[in-house]
C-alpha atoms as a PDB file:
ATOM      1  CA  MET A   1     122.547 176.956 305.940  1.00  0.00           C
ATOM      2  CA  GLU A   2     121.499 175.353 309.240  1.00  0.00           C
ATOM      3  CA  ILE A   3     120.292 172.173 307.797  1.00  0.00           C
ATOM      4  CA  LEU A   4     123.476 171.798 305.743  1.00  0.00           C
ATOM      5  CA  PHE A   5     125.662 172.033 308.713  1.00  0.00           C
ATOM      6  CA  LYS A   6     123.333 169.631 310.879  1.00  0.00           C
ATOM      7  CA  SER A   7     123.567 167.000 307.915  1.00  0.00           C
ATOM      8  CA  ARG A   8     127.294 167.283 307.717  1.00  0.00           C
ATOM      9  CA  ILE A   9     127.570 166.828 311.633  1.00  0.00           C
ATOM     10  CA  PHE A  10     125.505 163.866 311.414  1.00  0.00           C
ATOM     11  CA  LYS A  11     127.639 162.211 308.413  1.00  0.00           C
ATOM     12  CA  PHE A  12     130.634 162.890 310.371  1.00  0.00           C
ATOM     13  CA  PHE A  13     129.198 161.081 313.544  1.00  0.00           C
ATOM     14  CA  VAL A  14     127.996 158.186 311.375  1.00  0.00           C
ATOM     15  CA  THR A  15     131.559 157.861 309.484  1.00  0.00           C
ATOM     16  CA  SER A  16     133.184 158.358 312.863  1.00  0.00           C
ATOM     17  CA  VAL A  17     131.055 155.661 314.428  1.00  0.00           C
ATOM     18  CA  LEU A  18     131.748 153.151 311.691  1.00  0.00           C
ATOM     19  CA  LEU A  19     135.399 153.781 311.686  1.00  0.00           C
ATOM     20  CA  ILE A  20     135.727 152.802 315.258  1.00  0.00           C
ATOM     21  CA  SER A  21     133.553 149.979 314.565  1.00  0.00           C
ATOM     22  CA  LEU A  22     135.615 149.045 311.966  1.00  0.00           C
ATOM     23  CA  ILE A  23     139.079 149.597 313.902  1.00  0.00           C
ATOM     24  CA  LEU A  24     137.460 147.475 316.889  1.00  0.00           C
ATOM     25  CA  VAL A  25     136.566 144.560 314.479  1.00  0.00           C
ATOM     26  CA  VAL A  26     140.144 144.535 313.377  1.00  0.00           C
ATOM     27  CA  VAL A  27     141.745 144.598 316.740  1.00  0.00           C
ATOM     28  CA  PHE A  28     139.377 142.049 318.225  1.00  0.00           C
ATOM     29  CA  GLY A  29     139.883 139.853 315.157  1.00  0.00           C
ATOM     30  CA  GLN A  30     143.452 140.061 315.187  1.00  0.00           C
ATOM     31  CA  ILE A  31     143.602 139.169 319.241  1.00  0.00           C
ATOM     32  CA  LYS A  32     141.118 136.383 318.179  1.00  0.00           C
ATOM     33  CA  VAL A  33     143.578 135.140 315.462  1.00  0.00           C
ATOM     34  CA  ARG A  34     146.541 135.192 317.818  1.00  0.00           C
ATOM     35  CA  GLN A  35     144.578 133.099 320.365  1.00  0.00           C
ATOM     36  CA  ASN A  36     143.117 130.704 317.734  1.00  0.00           C
ATOM     37  CA  SER A  37     146.957 130.403 316.781  1.00  0.00           C
ATOM     38  CA  ALA A  38     148.510 130.140 320.078  1.00  0.00           C
ATOM     39  CA  LYS A  39     145.898 127.363 320.588  1.00  0.00           C
ATOM     40  CA  LEU A  40     146.645 125.650 317.428  1.00  0.00           C
ATOM     41  CA  GLN A  41     150.371 125.898 317.960  1.00  0.00           C
ATOM     42  CA  ALA A  42     150.065 124.224 321.294  1.00  0.00           C
ATOM     43  CA  GLU A  43     147.760 121.354 319.884  1.00  0.00           C
ATOM     44  CA  LEU A  44     150.406 120.937 317.254  1.00  0.00           C
ATOM     45  CA  ALA A  45     153.148 120.835 319.718  1.00  0.00           C
ATOM     46  CA  ASN A  46     151.226 117.998 321.723  1.00  0.00           C
ATOM     47  CA  MET A  47     150.762 116.089 318.498  1.00  0.00           C
ATOM     48  CA  GLU A  48     154.419 116.533 317.816  1.00  0.00           C
ATOM     49  CA  ALA A  49     155.311 115.281 321.247  1.00  0.00           C
ATOM     50  CA  ASP A  50     152.918 112.416 320.835  1.00  0.00           C
ATOM     51  CA  ARG A  51     154.299 111.249 317.607  1.00  0.00           C
ATOM     52  CA  LYS A  52     157.946 111.315 318.681  1.00  0.00           C
ATOM     53  CA  SER A  53     157.314 109.610 321.806  1.00  0.00           C
ATOM     54  CA  ALA A  54     155.268 106.712 319.811  1.00  0.00           C
ATOM     55  CA  THR A  55     158.387 106.763 317.315  1.00  0.00           C
ATOM     56  CA  ASP A  56     160.823 106.488 320.029  1.00  0.00           C
ATOM     57  CA  ASN A  57     158.671 103.615 321.479  1.00  0.00           C
ATOM     58  CA  THR A  58     158.411 102.036 318.313  1.00  0.00           C
ATOM     59  CA  TYR A  59     162.372 102.483 317.748  1.00  0.00           C
ATOM     60  CA  GLU A  60     162.921 100.688 321.186  1.00  0.00           C
ATOM     61  CA  GLN A  61     160.656  97.976 320.351  1.00  0.00           C
ATOM     62  CA  LYS A  62     162.357  97.489 317.252  1.00  0.00           C
ATOM     63  CA  LYS A  63     165.736  97.784 318.549  1.00  0.00           C
ATOM     64  CA  GLU A  64     164.994  95.264 321.210  1.00  0.00           C
ATOM     65  CA  ALA A  65     163.382  92.963 318.645  1.00  0.00           C
ATOM     66  CA  ALA A  66     166.617  93.039 316.644  1.00  0.00           C
ATOM     67  CA  GLU A  67     168.507  92.142 319.584  1.00  0.00           C
ATOM     68  CA  GLY A  68     166.356  89.221 320.506  1.00  0.00           C
ATOM     69  CA  VAL A  69     164.919  90.766 323.583  1.00  0.00           C
ATOM     70  CA  SER A  70     161.091  91.401 324.193  1.00  0.00           C
ATOM     71  CA  LEU A  71     160.137  94.200 326.190  1.00  0.00           C
ATOM     72  CA  PRO A  72     157.838  92.926 328.996  1.00  0.00           C
ATOM     73  CA  SER A  73     154.734  94.281 329.458  1.00  0.00           C
ATOM     74  CA  SER A  74     155.143  93.653 333.226  1.00  0.00           C
ATOM     75  CA  ALA A  75     158.347  92.614 335.143  1.00  0.00           C
ATOM     76  CA  GLU A  76     158.759  88.761 335.312  1.00  0.00           C
ATOM     77  CA  LYS A  77     158.661  87.026 338.460  1.00  0.00           C
ATOM     78  CA  THR A  78     162.162  85.995 339.991  1.00  0.00           C
ATOM     79  CA  TYR A  79     161.917  82.260 341.473  1.00  0.00           C
ATOM     80  CA  THR A  80     164.359  81.958 344.104  1.00  0.00           C
ATOM     81  CA  TYR A  81     164.565  78.426 345.554  1.00  0.00           C
ATOM     82  CA  LYS A  82     165.237  78.310 349.320  1.00  0.00           C
ATOM     83  CA  GLY A  83     165.081  74.865 350.086  1.00  0.00           C
ATOM     84  CA  ALA A  84     168.031  72.239 350.895  1.00  0.00           C
ATOM     85  CA  GLY A  85     170.408  72.121 347.924  1.00  0.00           C
ATOM     86  CA  SER A  86     173.435  70.319 349.187  1.00  0.00           C
ATOM     87  CA  ILE A  87     174.639  67.126 350.502  1.00  0.00           C
ATOM     88  CA  GLY A  88     176.546  66.209 353.767  1.00  0.00           C
ATOM     89  CA  GLN A  89     177.352  63.366 356.339  1.00  0.00           C
ATOM     90  CA  LEU A  90     174.563  61.030 357.169  1.00  0.00           C
ATOM     91  CA  ASN A  91     171.823  62.216 359.248  1.00  0.00           C
ATOM     92  CA  ILE A  92     169.582  59.388 360.621  1.00  0.00           C
ATOM     93  CA  THR A  93     167.086  62.183 362.062  1.00  0.00           C
ATOM     94  CA  ARG A  94     167.200  64.648 359.393  1.00  0.00           C
ATOM     95  CA  TRP A  95     163.486  64.066 358.248  1.00  0.00           C
ATOM     96  CA  LYS A  96     162.020  62.876 361.487  1.00  0.00           C
ATOM     97  CA  ASP A  97     158.426  63.607 361.781  1.00  0.00           C
ATOM     98  CA  LYS A  98     158.581  65.788 358.640  1.00  0.00           C
ATOM     99  CA  LYS A  99     155.939  65.575 355.829  1.00  0.00           C
ATOM    100  CA  TRP A 100     156.520  64.451 352.255  1.00  0.00           C
ATOM    101  CA  LEU A 101     154.891  64.998 349.025  1.00  0.00           C
ATOM    102  CA  ALA A 102     155.803  62.489 346.260  1.00  0.00           C
ATOM    103  CA  LEU A 103     154.864  63.341 342.575  1.00  0.00           C
ATOM    104  CA  GLY A 104     155.623  60.915 339.806  1.00  0.00           C
ATOM    105  CA  ASP A 105     154.352  58.425 337.276  1.00  0.00           C
ATOM    106  CA  ASN A 106     154.004  54.589 337.293  1.00  0.00           C
ATOM    107  CA  ILE A 107     156.743  53.683 339.657  1.00  0.00           C
ATOM    108  CA  THR A 108     155.205  56.262 342.216  1.00  0.00           C
ATOM    109  CA  ALA A 109     151.753  55.719 341.519  1.00  0.00           C
ATOM    110  CA  LYS A 110     152.083  51.839 342.368  1.00  0.00           C
ATOM    111  CA  ASN A 111     153.922  52.996 345.728  1.00  0.00           C
ATOM    112  CA  SER A 112     156.897  51.158 345.043  1.00  0.00           C
ATOM    113  CA  TYR A 113     159.057  52.880 347.685  1.00  0.00           C
ATOM    114  CA  GLN A 114     157.403  55.800 349.422  1.00  0.00           C
ATOM    115  CA  SER A 115     156.064  54.076 352.561  1.00  0.00           C
ATOM    116  CA  ARG A 116     159.082  52.120 353.524  1.00  0.00           C
ATOM    117  CA  VAL A 117     161.271  55.106 352.635  1.00  0.00           C
ATOM    118  CA  LYS A 118     158.777  57.200 355.079  1.00  0.00           C
ATOM    119  CA  LEU A 119     159.649  54.153 357.917  1.00  0.00           C
ATOM    120  CA  SER A 120     163.250  54.489 357.157  1.00  0.00           C
ATOM    121  CA  CYS A 121     163.420  58.236 357.647  1.00  0.00           C
ATOM    122  CA  SER A 122     160.858  58.377 360.748  1.00  0.00           C
ATOM    123  CA  MET A 123     158.786  60.976 358.672  1.00  0.00           C
ATOM    124  CA  ALA A 124     155.525  61.720 360.048  1.00  0.00           C
ATOM    125  CA  ASN A 125     153.901  61.296 356.702  1.00  0.00           C
ATOM    126  CA  VAL A 126     153.661  60.749 352.853  1.00  0.00           C
ATOM    127  CA  THR A 127     151.384  61.791 350.284  1.00  0.00           C
ATOM    128  CA  THR A 128     151.383  60.720 346.683  1.00  0.00           C
ATOM    129  CA  ASP A 129     150.401  62.704 343.888  1.00  0.00           C
ATOM    130  CA  ALA A 130     150.974  60.180 340.808  1.00  0.00           C
ATOM    131  CA  ASP A 131     149.525  58.351 337.788  1.00  0.00           C
ATOM    132  CA  ALA A 132     150.562  55.853 335.346  1.00  0.00           C
ATOM    133  CA  GLY A 133     151.778  57.547 332.139  1.00  0.00           C
ATOM    134  CA  ARG A 134     151.895  61.088 333.740  1.00  0.00           C
ATOM    135  CA  LEU A 135     154.214  63.308 331.909  1.00  0.00           C
ATOM    136  CA  MET A 136     156.774  65.775 333.475  1.00  0.00           C
ATOM    137  CA  GLY A 137     154.541  68.461 332.332  1.00  0.00           C
ATOM    138  CA  ASP A 138     151.527  67.438 334.438  1.00  0.00           C
ATOM    139  CA  ALA A 139     153.711  66.725 337.628  1.00  0.00           C
ATOM    140  CA  ALA A 140     152.770  69.148 339.606  1.00  0.00           C
ATOM    141  CA  ASN A 141     149.158  69.983 338.216  1.00  0.00           C
ATOM    142  CA  ASN A 142     147.327  69.466 341.428  1.00  0.00           C
ATOM    143  CA  ILE A 143     150.071  71.746 343.537  1.00  0.00           C
ATOM    144  CA  ASN A 144     148.810  74.692 345.564  1.00  0.00           C
ATOM    145  CA  SER A 145     149.906  76.856 348.308  1.00  0.00           C
ATOM    146  CA  ASP A 146     147.368  75.012 350.638  1.00  0.00           C
ATOM    147  CA  LYS A 147     148.703  71.507 349.633  1.00  0.00           C
ATOM    148  CA  LEU A 148     152.231  72.514 350.391  1.00  0.00           C
ATOM    149  CA  LYS A 149     151.557  74.427 353.637  1.00  0.00           C
ATOM    150  CA  ASP A 150     152.802  71.668 355.674  1.00  0.00           C
ATOM    151  CA  ILE A 151     155.092  69.665 353.368  1.00  0.00           C
ATOM    152  CA  ASP A 152     158.905  69.854 353.998  1.00  0.00           C
ATOM    153  CA  ILE A 153     160.120  67.951 351.238  1.00  0.00           C
ATOM    154  CA  VAL A 154     158.749  67.503 347.513  1.00  0.00           C
ATOM    155  CA  THR A 155     160.140  64.828 345.331  1.00  0.00           C
ATOM    156  CA  VAL A 156     159.463  64.524 341.636  1.00  0.00           C
ATOM    157  CA  PHE A 157     160.135  61.098 339.879  1.00  0.00           C
ATOM    158  CA  ALA A 158     158.785  61.540 336.115  1.00  0.00           C
ATOM    159  CA  GLY A 159     160.474  61.357 332.847  1.00  0.00           C
ATOM    160  CA  THR A 160     160.050  57.772 331.558  1.00  0.00           C
ATOM    161  CA  SER A 161     156.488  58.299 330.302  1.00  0.00           C
ATOM    162  CA  ASP A 162     157.603  61.470 328.254  1.00  0.00           C
ATOM    163  CA  TYR A 163     160.355  58.829 326.561  1.00  0.00           C
ATOM    164  CA  SER A 164     157.559  56.576 325.880  1.00  0.00           C
ATOM    165  CA  LEU A 165     155.071  59.044 324.466  1.00  0.00           C
ATOM    166  CA  ASN A 166     157.622  60.978 322.505  1.00  0.00           C
ATOM    167  CA  THR A 167     157.949  64.542 324.048  1.00  0.00           C
ATOM    168  CA  PRO A 168     160.198  66.773 322.352  1.00  0.00           C
ATOM    169  CA  LEU A 169     163.507  67.310 324.258  1.00  0.00           C
ATOM    170  CA  GLY A 170     164.026  70.881 323.343  1.00  0.00           C
ATOM    171  CA  THR A 171     166.718  72.980 325.047  1.00  0.00           C
ATOM    172  CA  ILE A 172     168.009  74.558 328.431  1.00  0.00           C
ATOM    173  CA  GLY A 173     166.729  77.876 327.174  1.00  0.00           C
ATOM    174  CA  ASP A 174     163.312  76.973 326.790  1.00  0.00           C
ATOM    175  CA  ASN A 175     160.340  78.378 329.243  1.00  0.00           C
ATOM    176  CA  GLU A 176     157.790  76.736 331.235  1.00  0.00           C
ATOM    177  CA  ASN A 177     155.697  77.633 328.220  1.00  0.00           C
ATOM    178  CA  SER A 178     157.854  75.679 325.856  1.00  0.00           C
ATOM    179  CA  ASN A 179     156.207  72.260 324.339  1.00  0.00           C
ATOM    180  CA  THR A 180     159.159  70.598 325.601  1.00  0.00           C
ATOM    181  CA  PHE A 181     160.768  68.234 328.253  1.00  0.00           C
ATOM    182  CA  TYR A 182     163.319  70.934 329.332  1.00  0.00           C
ATOM    183  CA  GLY A 183     160.164  73.457 329.369  1.00  0.00           C
ATOM    184  CA  SER A 184     158.525  70.808 331.582  1.00  0.00           C
ATOM    185  CA  VAL A 185     161.022  70.650 333.951  1.00  0.00           C
ATOM    186  CA  HIS A 186     161.238  74.437 334.196  1.00  0.00           C
ATOM    187  CA  LYS A 187     157.192  74.359 334.789  1.00  0.00           C
ATOM    188  CA  THR A 188     157.169  71.512 337.317  1.00  0.00           C
ATOM    189  CA  ILE A 189     159.770  73.363 339.363  1.00  0.00           C
ATOM    190  CA  LYS A 190     158.324  77.058 338.867  1.00  0.00           C
ATOM    191  CA  LYS A 191     154.592  75.538 340.095  1.00  0.00           C
ATOM    192  CA  ILE A 192     156.166  74.173 343.344  1.00  0.00           C
ATOM    193  CA  LEU A 193     158.090  77.380 344.001  1.00  0.00           C
ATOM    194  CA  ASP A 194     154.941  79.547 343.286  1.00  0.00           C
ATOM    195  CA  SER A 195     153.408  77.635 346.039  1.00  0.00           C
ATOM    196  CA  LYS A 196     156.366  77.413 348.711  1.00  0.00           C
ATOM    197  CA  GLU A 197     159.780  78.850 348.091  1.00  0.00           C
ATOM    198  CA  ASP A 198     161.237  77.137 351.202  1.00  0.00           C
ATOM    199  CA  VAL A 199     160.129  73.544 350.436  1.00  0.00           C
ATOM    200  CA  THR A 200     162.956  71.259 349.746  1.00  0.00           C
ATOM    201  CA  ILE A 201     162.964  69.658 346.336  1.00  0.00           C
ATOM    202  CA  VAL A 202     164.299  66.819 344.982  1.00  0.00           C
ATOM    203  CA  PHE A 203     164.170  65.008 341.601  1.00  0.00           C
ATOM    204  CA  PHE A 204     164.686  61.578 340.521  1.00  0.00           C
ATOM    205  CA  THR A 205     165.902  60.718 337.297  1.00  0.00           C
ATOM    206  CA  PRO A 206     164.194  57.975 335.404  1.00  0.00           C
ATOM    207  CA  LEU A 207     165.256  54.108 335.775  1.00  0.00           C
ATOM    208  CA  LYS A 208     166.555  52.209 332.762  1.00  0.00           C
ATOM    209  CA  ARG A 209     163.776  50.182 331.233  1.00  0.00           C
ATOM    210  CA  GLY A 210     163.551  47.120 328.848  1.00  0.00           C
ATOM    211  CA  ALA A 211     161.025  46.404 326.082  1.00  0.00           C
ATOM    212  CA  TYR A 212     157.690  46.981 327.337  1.00  0.00           C
ATOM    213  CA  LYS A 213     154.446  46.766 324.963  1.00  0.00           C
ATOM    214  CA  ASN A 214     154.895  48.759 322.121  1.00  0.00           C
ATOM    215  CA  TYR A 215     157.034  51.750 323.453  1.00  0.00           C
ATOM    216  CA  PRO A 216     160.486  52.567 322.727  1.00  0.00           C
ATOM    217  CA  VAL A 217     163.157  50.293 324.173  1.00  0.00           C
ATOM    218  CA  TYR A 218     166.134  51.691 325.820  1.00  0.00           C
ATOM    219  CA  PRO A 219     168.734  52.349 324.739  1.00  0.00           C
ATOM    220  CA  GLY A 220     167.417  53.438 321.412  1.00  0.00           C
ATOM    221  CA  ALA A 221     165.852  56.511 320.664  1.00  0.00           C
ATOM    222  CA  ASN A 222     162.007  57.410 320.564  1.00  0.00           C
ATOM    223  CA  SER A 223     160.006  58.763 317.621  1.00  0.00           C
ATOM    224  CA  ALA A 224     161.172  62.250 318.573  1.00  0.00           C
ATOM    225  CA  GLY A 225     164.458  61.033 318.086  1.00  0.00           C
ATOM    226  CA  VAL A 226     165.461  61.479 321.968  1.00  0.00           C
ATOM    227  CA  LYS A 227     167.044  58.883 324.050  1.00  0.00           C
ATOM    228  CA  LEU A 228     166.141  58.132 327.551  1.00  0.00           C
ATOM    229  CA  GLU A 229     169.631  59.314 329.075  1.00  0.00           C
ATOM    230  CA  ASP A 230     168.659  62.682 327.165  1.00  0.00           C
ATOM    231  CA  TYR A 231     165.575  63.047 329.478  1.00  0.00           C
ATOM    232  CA  VAL A 232     167.955  62.307 332.247  1.00  0.00           C
ATOM    233  CA  GLN A 233     170.404  65.012 331.406  1.00  0.00           C
ATOM    234  CA  ALA A 234     167.621  67.814 330.764  1.00  0.00           C
ATOM    235  CA  ILE A 235     166.376  66.975 334.605  1.00  0.00           C
ATOM    236  CA  LYS A 236     169.900  67.527 335.605  1.00  0.00           C
ATOM    237  CA  ASP A 237     170.765  70.683 333.677  1.00  0.00           C
ATOM    238  CA  VAL A 238     167.508  72.417 334.822  1.00  0.00           C
ATOM    239  CA  CYS A 239     167.837  71.402 338.243  1.00  0.00           C
ATOM    240  CA  LYS A 240     171.465  72.513 338.466  1.00  0.00           C
ATOM    241  CA  SER A 241     170.066  76.177 337.243  1.00  0.00           C
ATOM    242  CA  TYR A 242     168.062  76.278 340.626  1.00  0.00           C
ATOM    243  CA  ASN A 243     170.490  74.658 342.894  1.00  0.00           C
ATOM    244  CA  ILE A 244     167.830  71.695 343.027  1.00  0.00           C
ATOM    245  CA  LEU A 245     168.958  68.054 344.275  1.00  0.00           C
ATOM    246  CA  VAL A 246     168.808  65.207 341.616  1.00  0.00           C
ATOM    247  CA  LEU A 247     169.035  61.789 342.600  1.00  0.00           C
ATOM    248  CA  ASP A 248     170.523  59.900 339.637  1.00  0.00           C
ATOM    249  CA  LEU A 249     168.661  56.472 339.728  1.00  0.00           C
ATOM    250  CA  PHE A 250     169.334  55.946 336.020  1.00  0.00           C
ATOM    251  CA  ASN A 251     173.066  55.461 336.457  1.00  0.00           C
ATOM    252  CA  ASN A 252     173.567  54.726 339.982  1.00  0.00           C
ATOM    253  CA  SER A 253     170.525  52.469 340.622  1.00  0.00           C
ATOM    254  CA  GLY A 254     172.446  49.138 339.608  1.00  0.00           C
ATOM    255  CA  ILE A 255     169.276  48.393 337.216  1.00  0.00           C
ATOM    256  CA  ASN A 256     170.384  48.194 333.660  1.00  0.00           C
ATOM    257  CA  GLU A 257     169.419  46.581 330.215  1.00  0.00           C
ATOM    258  CA  ASN A 258     171.220  43.372 331.635  1.00  0.00           C
ATOM    259  CA  ASN A 259     169.551  42.700 334.579  1.00  0.00           C
ATOM    260  CA  ILE A 260     166.158  44.433 334.040  1.00  0.00           C
ATOM    261  CA  LYS A 261     164.396  41.138 334.440  1.00  0.00           C
ATOM    262  CA  ASN A 262     165.753  40.717 337.701  1.00  0.00           C
ATOM    263  CA  TYR A 263     164.209  43.786 339.392  1.00  0.00           C
ATOM    264  CA  THR A 264     160.815  44.382 337.083  1.00  0.00           C
ATOM    265  CA  ILE A 265     157.719  42.239 336.535  1.00  0.00           C
ATOM    266  CA  ASP A 266     157.243  43.460 332.932  1.00  0.00           C
ATOM    267  CA  ASN A 267     160.477  45.404 331.989  1.00  0.00           C
ATOM    268  CA  LEU A 268     159.139  48.613 333.588  1.00  0.00           C
ATOM    269  CA  HIS A 269     157.596  48.239 336.828  1.00  0.00           C
ATOM    270  CA  LEU A 270     159.280  47.081 339.858  1.00  0.00           C
ATOM    271  CA  ASN A 271     159.184  43.733 341.715  1.00  0.00           C
ATOM    272  CA  GLU A 272     159.916  43.206 345.255  1.00  0.00           C
ATOM    273  CA  ALA A 273     163.721  43.273 344.760  1.00  0.00           C
ATOM    274  CA  GLY A 274     163.730  46.392 342.341  1.00  0.00           C
ATOM    275  CA  SER A 275     161.626  48.166 344.826  1.00  0.00           C
ATOM    276  CA  GLN A 276     164.305  47.274 347.476  1.00  0.00           C
ATOM    277  CA  ARG A 277     166.938  48.251 345.684  1.00  0.00           C
ATOM    278  CA  ILE A 278     166.070  51.916 345.171  1.00  0.00           C
ATOM    279  CA  ILE A 279     164.102  52.172 348.789  1.00  0.00           C
ATOM    280  CA  LYS A 280     167.555  51.654 350.487  1.00  0.00           C
ATOM    281  CA  GLN A 281     169.284  54.546 347.849  1.00  0.00           C
ATOM    282  CA  ILE A 282     166.301  57.228 347.940  1.00  0.00           C
ATOM    283  CA  SER A 283     166.467  56.657 352.234  1.00  0.00           C
ATOM    284  CA  ASP A 284     170.135  56.734 352.344  1.00  0.00           C
ATOM    285  CA  TYR A 285     170.014  59.923 350.285  1.00  0.00           C
ATOM    286  CA  PHE A 286     167.589  61.701 352.066  1.00  0.00           C
ATOM    287  CA  LYS A 287     169.701  61.217 355.363  1.00  0.00           C
ATOM    288  CA  THR A 288     172.419  63.169 353.615  1.00  0.00           C
ATOM    289  CA  ILE A 289     170.614  66.125 352.667  1.00  0.00           C
ATOM    290  CA  LYS A 290     171.743  68.974 354.673  1.00  0.00           C
END
């Protein structure tokens, strides 16, 4: 009888232990499930937030693209010209002891005007950076902040080689990376301003020209369908947008298709009479820059 009683107590004890263990397993299992569930929900929430953010960004990109505006990866640089941008009364000492850098193509490379303009304006010195056949897009290739550190005025006399070599004209909206003449003028200006914002910049438009070798003949268009005066207008358009001065030698030099032989040695490069003509114009113009 006693053995039977002990046996029942033992079974009750074992059953109780098993029941308690089962209850603990269930309770802790539910807690674990809740924890995993909460963790999963948090991960799902993060994934949904990332998905929404990506969707929103894609939508904005598509919207900007539809409106013709790209989303810049970084802020674009703002170019501010701080050099002289207006003409006033004659001032013969305006450039006394100042330093000049002359950029250009054939006529500048031959020193057709620089040394005598320097003397006329009492400048300290003039440095020439020019090559025959140089295009507008290459005019400022050698420019950097060190080379402009002590320079007071930079002139750019280019464009006739672009007419000769059929550079596409483009439009005023072209940027400096465009393979067009408008883009090349932007490129030249921005390269100078990158190096020195407060240097005075003056562009000289190309002179009129006659038959030279096998190149296009003014007033006809070149193989790109562009006339010389179109390049002249592009220079004026782009410079105006920066408030940069332009000396219009194309229209105001007095050299034209009717008298070209009187002022050039080969219908393109200036003789002494042609040089004297533009030396006076450039010198007088310099002396009126405010």
